[in-house]
Every structure is written in structure tokens, then in C-alpha cells.
Amino acid sequence: MSVNRVMDTILQLVQDNPWFGVVTAIVALASAVAAATPTPEKGTFLSKVYSIVDWAALNIGKAKQK
């Protein structure tokens, strides 16, 4: 498969799905929030909210903060 064909497929996906930009913005915002805030202590309400933000930011597996 040529590079041009792959790029055309990706561009077609982005252009045909208006929700794609919204999902991308949510992931970017969640990533910024997760990077800018310290990890709260386990068992608190904020840790539950932070886990949702972490999931939305795609911070899973080895990408998680320790």
C-alpha cells in the first residue's frame, strides 16, 4: 500500500466523521490536565475523578504516572 493511499484513507476518515475532532479535543484536554496536575492519594474522591481523566487521556499501561 502506498503512502499516498494511506494518507488519503486517514483524511477521508477525518473528513467523513464530524465527531473525530471532538474526540481528539477531549483526549488533548484530558492529557493536558493529567500532565499538569499531581496524582492524588488513592481512595479519595479526586483519585476517582483523576482515574477517569487518566483514562480519557489514554494514559494506560506504561504511560501512567508513578
PDB file of N, CA and C in Angstrom:
ATOM      1  N   MET A   1       0.853  -1.178   0.000  1.00  0.00           N
ATOM      2  CA  MET A   1       0.000   0.000   0.000  1.00  0.00           C
ATOM      3  C   MET A   1       0.899   1.241   0.000  1.00  0.00           C
ATOM      4  N   SER A   2       0.620   2.177  -0.854  1.00  0.00           N
ATOM      5  CA  SER A   2       1.468   3.367  -0.955  1.00  0.00           C
ATOM      6  C   SER A   2       1.126   4.363   0.153  1.00  0.00           C
ATOM      7  N   VAL A   3       2.065   5.245   0.413  1.00  0.00           N
ATOM      8  CA  VAL A   3       1.890   6.257   1.444  1.00  0.00           C
ATOM      9  C   VAL A   3       0.736   7.184   1.099  1.00  0.00           C
ATOM     10  N   ASN A   4       0.602   7.528  -0.152  1.00  0.00           N
ATOM     11  CA  ASN A   4      -0.490   8.418  -0.571  1.00  0.00           C
ATOM     12  C   ASN A   4      -1.850   7.788  -0.312  1.00  0.00           C
ATOM     13  N   ARG A   5      -1.958   6.516  -0.541  1.00  0.00           N
ATOM     14  CA  ARG A   5      -3.239   5.837  -0.321  1.00  0.00           C
ATOM     15  C   ARG A   5      -3.585   5.791   1.165  1.00  0.00           C
ATOM     16  N   VAL A   6      -2.569   5.561   2.015  1.00  0.00           N
ATOM     17  CA  VAL A   6      -2.788   5.550   3.457  1.00  0.00           C
ATOM     18  C   VAL A   6      -3.219   6.930   3.930  1.00  0.00           C
ATOM     19  N   MET A   7      -2.542   7.968   3.463  1.00  0.00           N
ATOM     20  CA  MET A   7      -2.891   9.332   3.846  1.00  0.00           C
ATOM     21  C   MET A   7      -4.294   9.697   3.369  1.00  0.00           C
ATOM     22  N   ASP A   8      -4.646   9.292   2.172  1.00  0.00           N
ATOM     23  CA  ASP A   8      -5.994   9.550   1.667  1.00  0.00           C
ATOM     24  C   ASP A   8      -7.046   8.863   2.528  1.00  0.00           C
ATOM     25  N   THR A   9      -6.753   7.654   2.968  1.00  0.00           N
ATOM     26  CA  THR A   9      -7.686   6.924   3.832  1.00  0.00           C
ATOM     27  C   THR A   9      -7.859   7.632   5.172  1.00  0.00           C
ATOM     28  N   ILE A  10      -6.750   8.093   5.752  1.00  0.00           N
ATOM     29  CA  ILE A  10      -6.827   8.810   7.028  1.00  0.00           C
ATOM     30  C   ILE A  10      -7.592  10.116   6.868  1.00  0.00           C
ATOM     31  N   LEU A  11      -7.300  10.864   5.827  1.00  0.00           N
ATOM     32  CA  LEU A  11      -8.014  12.116   5.589  1.00  0.00           C
ATOM     33  C   LEU A  11      -9.501  11.887   5.355  1.00  0.00           C
ATOM     34  N   GLN A  12      -9.839  10.834   4.660  1.00  0.00           N
ATOM     35  CA  GLN A  12     -11.247  10.511   4.423  1.00  0.00           C
ATOM     36  C   GLN A  12     -11.954  10.186   5.739  1.00  0.00           C
ATOM     37  N   LEU A  13     -11.279   9.458   6.624  1.00  0.00           N
ATOM     38  CA  LEU A  13     -11.844   9.135   7.943  1.00  0.00           C
ATOM     39  C   LEU A  13     -12.135  10.401   8.730  1.00  0.00           C
ATOM     40  N   VAL A  14     -11.195  11.325   8.741  1.00  0.00           N
ATOM     41  CA  VAL A  14     -11.351  12.563   9.492  1.00  0.00           C
ATOM     42  C   VAL A  14     -12.453  13.433   8.892  1.00  0.00           C
ATOM     43  N   GLN A  15     -12.517  13.521   7.594  1.00  0.00           N
ATOM     44  CA  GLN A  15     -13.493  14.382   6.946  1.00  0.00           C
ATOM     45  C   GLN A  15     -14.913  13.812   7.009  1.00  0.00           C
ATOM     46  N   ASP A  16     -15.050  12.506   7.011  1.00  0.00           N
ATOM     47  CA  ASP A  16     -16.372  11.892   6.998  1.00  0.00           C
ATOM     48  C   ASP A  16     -17.014  11.784   8.378  1.00  0.00           C
ATOM     49  N   ASN A  17     -16.240  11.959   9.438  1.00  0.00           N
ATOM     50  CA  ASN A  17     -16.748  11.791  10.798  1.00  0.00           C
ATOM     51  C   ASN A  17     -16.583  13.079  11.595  1.00  0.00           C
ATOM     52  N   PRO A  18     -17.662  13.847  11.752  1.00  0.00           N
ATOM     53  CA  PRO A  18     -17.547  15.122  12.478  1.00  0.00           C
ATOM     54  C   PRO A  18     -17.200  14.937  13.956  1.00  0.00           C
ATOM     55  N   TRP A  19     -17.462  13.776  14.518  1.00  0.00           N
ATOM     56  CA  TRP A  19     -17.154  13.526  15.928  1.00  0.00           C
ATOM     57  C   TRP A  19     -15.662  13.331  16.158  1.00  0.00           C
ATOM     58  N   PHE A  20     -14.901  13.109  15.100  1.00  0.00           N
ATOM     59  CA  PHE A  20     -13.468  12.841  15.231  1.00  0.00           C
ATOM     60  C   PHE A  20     -12.738  14.008  15.889  1.00  0.00           C
ATOM     61  N   GLY A  21     -13.072  15.228  15.493  1.00  0.00           N
ATOM     62  CA  GLY A  21     -12.451  16.415  16.087  1.00  0.00           C
ATOM     63  C   GLY A  21     -12.807  16.582  17.552  1.00  0.00           C
ATOM     64  N   VAL A  22     -14.037  16.243  17.912  1.00  0.00           N
ATOM     65  CA  VAL A  22     -14.465  16.342  19.312  1.00  0.00           C
ATOM     66  C   VAL A  22     -13.702  15.341  20.167  1.00  0.00           C
ATOM     67  N   VAL A  23     -13.582  14.120  19.705  1.00  0.00           N
ATOM     68  CA  VAL A  23     -12.848  13.092  20.456  1.00  0.00           C
ATOM     69  C   VAL A  23     -11.384  13.476  20.600  1.00  0.00           C
ATOM     70  N   THR A  24     -10.804  13.991  19.540  1.00  0.00           N
ATOM     71  CA  THR A  24      -9.409  14.424  19.591  1.00  0.00           C
ATOM     72  C   THR A  24      -9.218  15.553  20.592  1.00  0.00           C
ATOM     73  N   ALA A  25     -10.138  16.498  20.636  1.00  0.00           N
ATOM     74  CA  ALA A  25     -10.054  17.607  21.584  1.00  0.00           C
ATOM     75  C   ALA A  25     -10.197  17.121  23.024  1.00  0.00           C
ATOM     76  N   ILE A  26     -11.071  16.154  23.266  1.00  0.00           N
ATOM     77  CA  ILE A  26     -11.247  15.603  24.612  1.00  0.00           C
ATOM     78  C   ILE A  26      -9.974  14.909  25.079  1.00  0.00           C
ATOM     79  N   VAL A  27      -9.366  14.128  24.214  1.00  0.00           N
ATOM     80  CA  VAL A  27      -8.117  13.437  24.569  1.00  0.00           C
ATOM     81  C   VAL A  27      -7.012  14.445  24.845  1.00  0.00           C
ATOM     82  N   ALA A  28      -6.919  15.490  24.032  1.00  0.00           N
ATOM     83  CA  ALA A  28      -5.882  16.511  24.223  1.00  0.00           C
ATOM     84  C   ALA A  28      -6.088  17.268  25.530  1.00  0.00           C
ATOM     85  N   LEU A  29      -7.321  17.634  25.836  1.00  0.00           N
ATOM     86  CA  LEU A  29      -7.617  18.341  27.085  1.00  0.00           C
ATOM     87  C   LEU A  29      -7.329  17.461  28.298  1.00  0.00           C
ATOM     88  N   ALA A  30      -7.747  16.214  28.237  1.00  0.00           N
ATOM     89  CA  ALA A  30      -7.501  15.288  29.348  1.00  0.00           C
ATOM     90  C   ALA A  30      -5.999  15.052  29.530  1.00  0.00           C
ATOM     91  N   SER A  31      -5.249  14.985  28.450  1.00  0.00           N
ATOM     92  CA  SER A  31      -3.800  14.817  28.541  1.00  0.00           C
ATOM     93  C   SER A  31      -3.154  16.018  29.208  1.00  0.00           C
ATOM     94  N   ALA A  32      -3.601  17.211  28.855  1.00  0.00           N
ATOM     95  CA  ALA A  32      -3.054  18.427  29.457  1.00  0.00           C
ATOM     96  C   ALA A  32      -3.370  18.488  30.950  1.00  0.00           C
ATOM     97  N   VAL A  33      -4.591  18.139  31.328  1.00  0.00           N
ATOM     98  CA  VAL A  33      -4.977  18.144  32.745  1.00  0.00           C
ATOM     99  C   VAL A  33      -4.176  17.103  33.517  1.00  0.00           C
ATOM    100  N   ALA A  34      -4.029  15.912  32.963  1.00  0.00           N
ATOM    101  CA  ALA A  34      -3.291  14.843  33.648  1.00  0.00           C
ATOM    102  C   ALA A  34      -1.814  15.202  33.798  1.00  0.00           C
ATOM    103  N   ALA A  35      -1.252  15.880  32.814  1.00  0.00           N
ATOM    104  CA  ALA A  35       0.158  16.248  32.884  1.00  0.00           C
ATOM    105  C   ALA A  35       0.399  17.402  33.849  1.00  0.00           C
ATOM    106  N   ALA A  36      -0.578  18.288  33.999  1.00  0.00           N
ATOM    107  CA  ALA A  36      -0.396  19.493  34.807  1.00  0.00           C
ATOM    108  C   ALA A  36      -0.764  19.306  36.275  1.00  0.00           C
ATOM    109  N   THR A  37      -1.447  18.227  36.611  1.00  0.00           N
ATOM    110  CA  THR A  37      -1.875  18.039  37.998  1.00  0.00           C
ATOM    111  C   THR A  37      -1.161  16.852  38.626  1.00  0.00           C
ATOM    112  N   PRO A  38      -0.856  16.961  39.915  1.00  0.00           N
ATOM    113  CA  PRO A  38      -0.225  15.822  40.591  1.00  0.00           C
ATOM    114  C   PRO A  38      -1.237  14.696  40.819  1.00  0.00           C
ATOM    115  N   THR A  39      -0.738  13.494  40.902  1.00  0.00           N
ATOM    116  CA  THR A  39      -1.609  12.347  41.153  1.00  0.00           C
ATOM    117  C   THR A  39      -2.108  12.397  42.597  1.00  0.00           C
ATOM    118  N   PRO A  40      -3.428  12.386  42.821  1.00  0.00           N
ATOM    119  CA  PRO A  40      -3.956  12.436  44.196  1.00  0.00           C
ATOM    120  C   PRO A  40      -3.770  11.096  44.910  1.00  0.00           C
ATOM    121  N   GLU A  41      -3.892  11.143  46.220  1.00  0.00           N
ATOM    122  CA  GLU A  41      -3.764   9.916  47.018  1.00  0.00           C
ATOM    123  C   GLU A  41      -4.905   8.961  46.701  1.00  0.00           C
ATOM    124  N   LYS A  42      -4.608   7.671  46.783  1.00  0.00           N
ATOM    125  CA  LYS A  42      -5.625   6.653  46.494  1.00  0.00           C
ATOM    126  C   LYS A  42      -6.724   6.683  47.542  1.00  0.00           C
ATOM    127  N   GLY A  43      -7.936   6.384  47.106  1.00  0.00           N
ATOM    128  CA  GLY A  43      -9.082   6.286  47.994  1.00  0.00           C
ATOM    129  C   GLY A  43      -9.857   7.579  48.163  1.00  0.00           C
ATOM    130  N   THR A  44      -9.386   8.675  47.603  1.00  0.00           N
ATOM    131  CA  THR A  44     -10.104   9.942  47.721  1.00  0.00           C
ATOM    132  C   THR A  44     -11.011  10.135  46.512  1.00  0.00           C
ATOM    133  N   PHE A  45     -11.923  11.095  46.660  1.00  0.00           N
ATOM    134  CA  PHE A  45     -12.826  11.399  45.560  1.00  0.00           C
ATOM    135  C   PHE A  45     -12.041  11.885  44.343  1.00  0.00           C
ATOM    136  N   LEU A  46     -11.021  12.724  44.602  1.00  0.00           N
ATOM    137  CA  LEU A  46     -10.217  13.244  43.493  1.00  0.00           C
ATOM    138  C   LEU A  46      -9.479  12.142  42.754  1.00  0.00           C
ATOM    139  N   SER A  47      -9.097  11.084  43.449  1.00  0.00           N
ATOM    140  CA  SER A  47      -8.409   9.987  42.761  1.00  0.00           C
ATOM    141  C   SER A  47      -9.349   9.274  41.796  1.00  0.00           C
ATOM    142  N   LYS A  48     -10.615   9.221  42.127  1.00  0.00           N
ATOM    143  CA  LYS A  48     -11.592   8.607  41.219  1.00  0.00           C
ATOM    144  C   LYS A  48     -11.809   9.478  39.985  1.00  0.00           C
ATOM    145  N   VAL A  49     -11.891  10.791  40.195  1.00  0.00           N
ATOM    146  CA  VAL A  49     -12.024  11.723  39.071  1.00  0.00           C
ATOM    147  C   VAL A  49     -10.771  11.671  38.210  1.00  0.00           C
ATOM    148  N   TYR A  50      -9.603  11.633  38.881  1.00  0.00           N
ATOM    149  CA  TYR A  50      -8.328  11.599  38.157  1.00  0.00           C
ATOM    150  C   TYR A  50      -8.190  10.328  37.327  1.00  0.00           C
ATOM    151  N   SER A  51      -8.718   9.212  37.828  1.00  0.00           N
ATOM    152  CA  SER A  51      -8.637   7.971  37.056  1.00  0.00           C
ATOM    153  C   SER A  51      -9.460   8.065  35.773  1.00  0.00           C
ATOM    154  N   ILE A  52     -10.564   8.785  35.815  1.00  0.00           N
ATOM    155  CA  ILE A  52     -11.379   8.993  34.616  1.00  0.00           C
ATOM    156  C   ILE A  52     -10.629   9.897  33.633  1.00  0.00           C
ATOM    157  N   VAL A  53     -10.013  10.958  34.157  1.00  0.00           N
ATOM    158  CA  VAL A  53      -9.231  11.856  33.307  1.00  0.00           C
ATOM    159  C   VAL A  53      -8.055  11.096  32.699  1.00  0.00           C
ATOM    160  N   ASP A  54      -7.395  10.265  33.505  1.00  0.00           N
ATOM    161  CA  ASP A  54      -6.278   9.460  33.021  1.00  0.00           C
ATOM    162  C   ASP A  54      -6.724   8.524  31.900  1.00  0.00           C
ATOM    163  N   TRP A  55      -7.872   7.920  32.054  1.00  0.00           N
ATOM    164  CA  TRP A  55      -8.405   7.027  31.024  1.00  0.00           C
ATOM    165  C   TRP A  55      -8.719   7.805  29.749  1.00  0.00           C
ATOM    166  N   ALA A  56      -9.351   8.988  29.909  1.00  0.00           N
ATOM    167  CA  ALA A  56      -9.694   9.810  28.739  1.00  0.00           C
ATOM    168  C   ALA A  56      -8.449  10.317  28.029  1.00  0.00           C
ATOM    169  N   ALA A  57      -7.347  10.484  28.782  1.00  0.00           N
ATOM    170  CA  ALA A  57      -6.096  10.954  28.205  1.00  0.00           C
ATOM    171  C   ALA A  57      -5.308   9.818  27.567  1.00  0.00           C
ATOM    172  N   LEU A  58      -5.845   8.622  27.635  1.00  0.00           N
ATOM    173  CA  LEU A  58      -5.192   7.419  27.109  1.00  0.00           C
ATOM    174  C   LEU A  58      -3.898   7.108  27.848  1.00  0.00           C
ATOM    175  N   ASN A  59      -3.808   7.495  29.117  1.00  0.00           N
ATOM    176  CA  ASN A  59      -2.657   7.185  29.964  1.00  0.00           C
ATOM    177  C   ASN A  59      -2.900   5.832  30.613  1.00  0.00           C
ATOM    178  N   ILE A  60      -2.544   4.793  29.901  1.00  0.00           N
ATOM    179  CA  ILE A  60      -2.757   3.443  30.406  1.00  0.00           C
ATOM    180  C   ILE A  60      -1.456   2.659  30.276  1.00  0.00           C
ATOM    181  N   GLY A  61      -1.323   1.627  31.043  1.00  0.00           N
ATOM    182  CA  GLY A  61      -0.135   0.782  30.970  1.00  0.00           C
ATOM    183  C   GLY A  61       1.117   1.530  31.376  1.00  0.00           C
ATOM    184  N   LYS A  62       2.118   1.509  30.538  1.00  0.00           N
ATOM    185  CA  LYS A  62       3.401   2.135  30.844  1.00  0.00           C
ATOM    186  C   LYS A  62       3.354   3.658  30.736  1.00  0.00           C
ATOM    187  N   ALA A  63       2.285   4.214  30.197  1.00  0.00           N
ATOM    188  CA  ALA A  63       2.170   5.664  30.065  1.00  0.00           C
ATOM    189  C   ALA A  63       1.716   6.320  31.369  1.00  0.00           C
ATOM    190  N   LYS A  64       1.286   5.540  32.352  1.00  0.00           N
ATOM    191  CA  LYS A  64       0.792   6.087  33.607  1.00  0.00           C
ATOM    192  C   LYS A  64       1.926   6.655  34.442  1.00  0.00           C
ATOM    193  N   GLN A  65       1.569   7.724  35.202  1.00  0.00           N
ATOM    194  CA  GLN A  65       2.500   8.326  36.143  1.00  0.00           C
ATOM    195  C   GLN A  65       2.702   7.412  37.333  1.00  0.00           C
ATOM    196  N   LYS A  66       3.897   7.375  37.876  1.00  0.00           N
ATOM    197  CA  LYS A  66       4.145   6.544  39.060  1.00  0.00           C
ATOM    198  C   LYS A  66       4.297   7.403  40.285  1.00  0.00           C
TER     199      LYS A  66
END
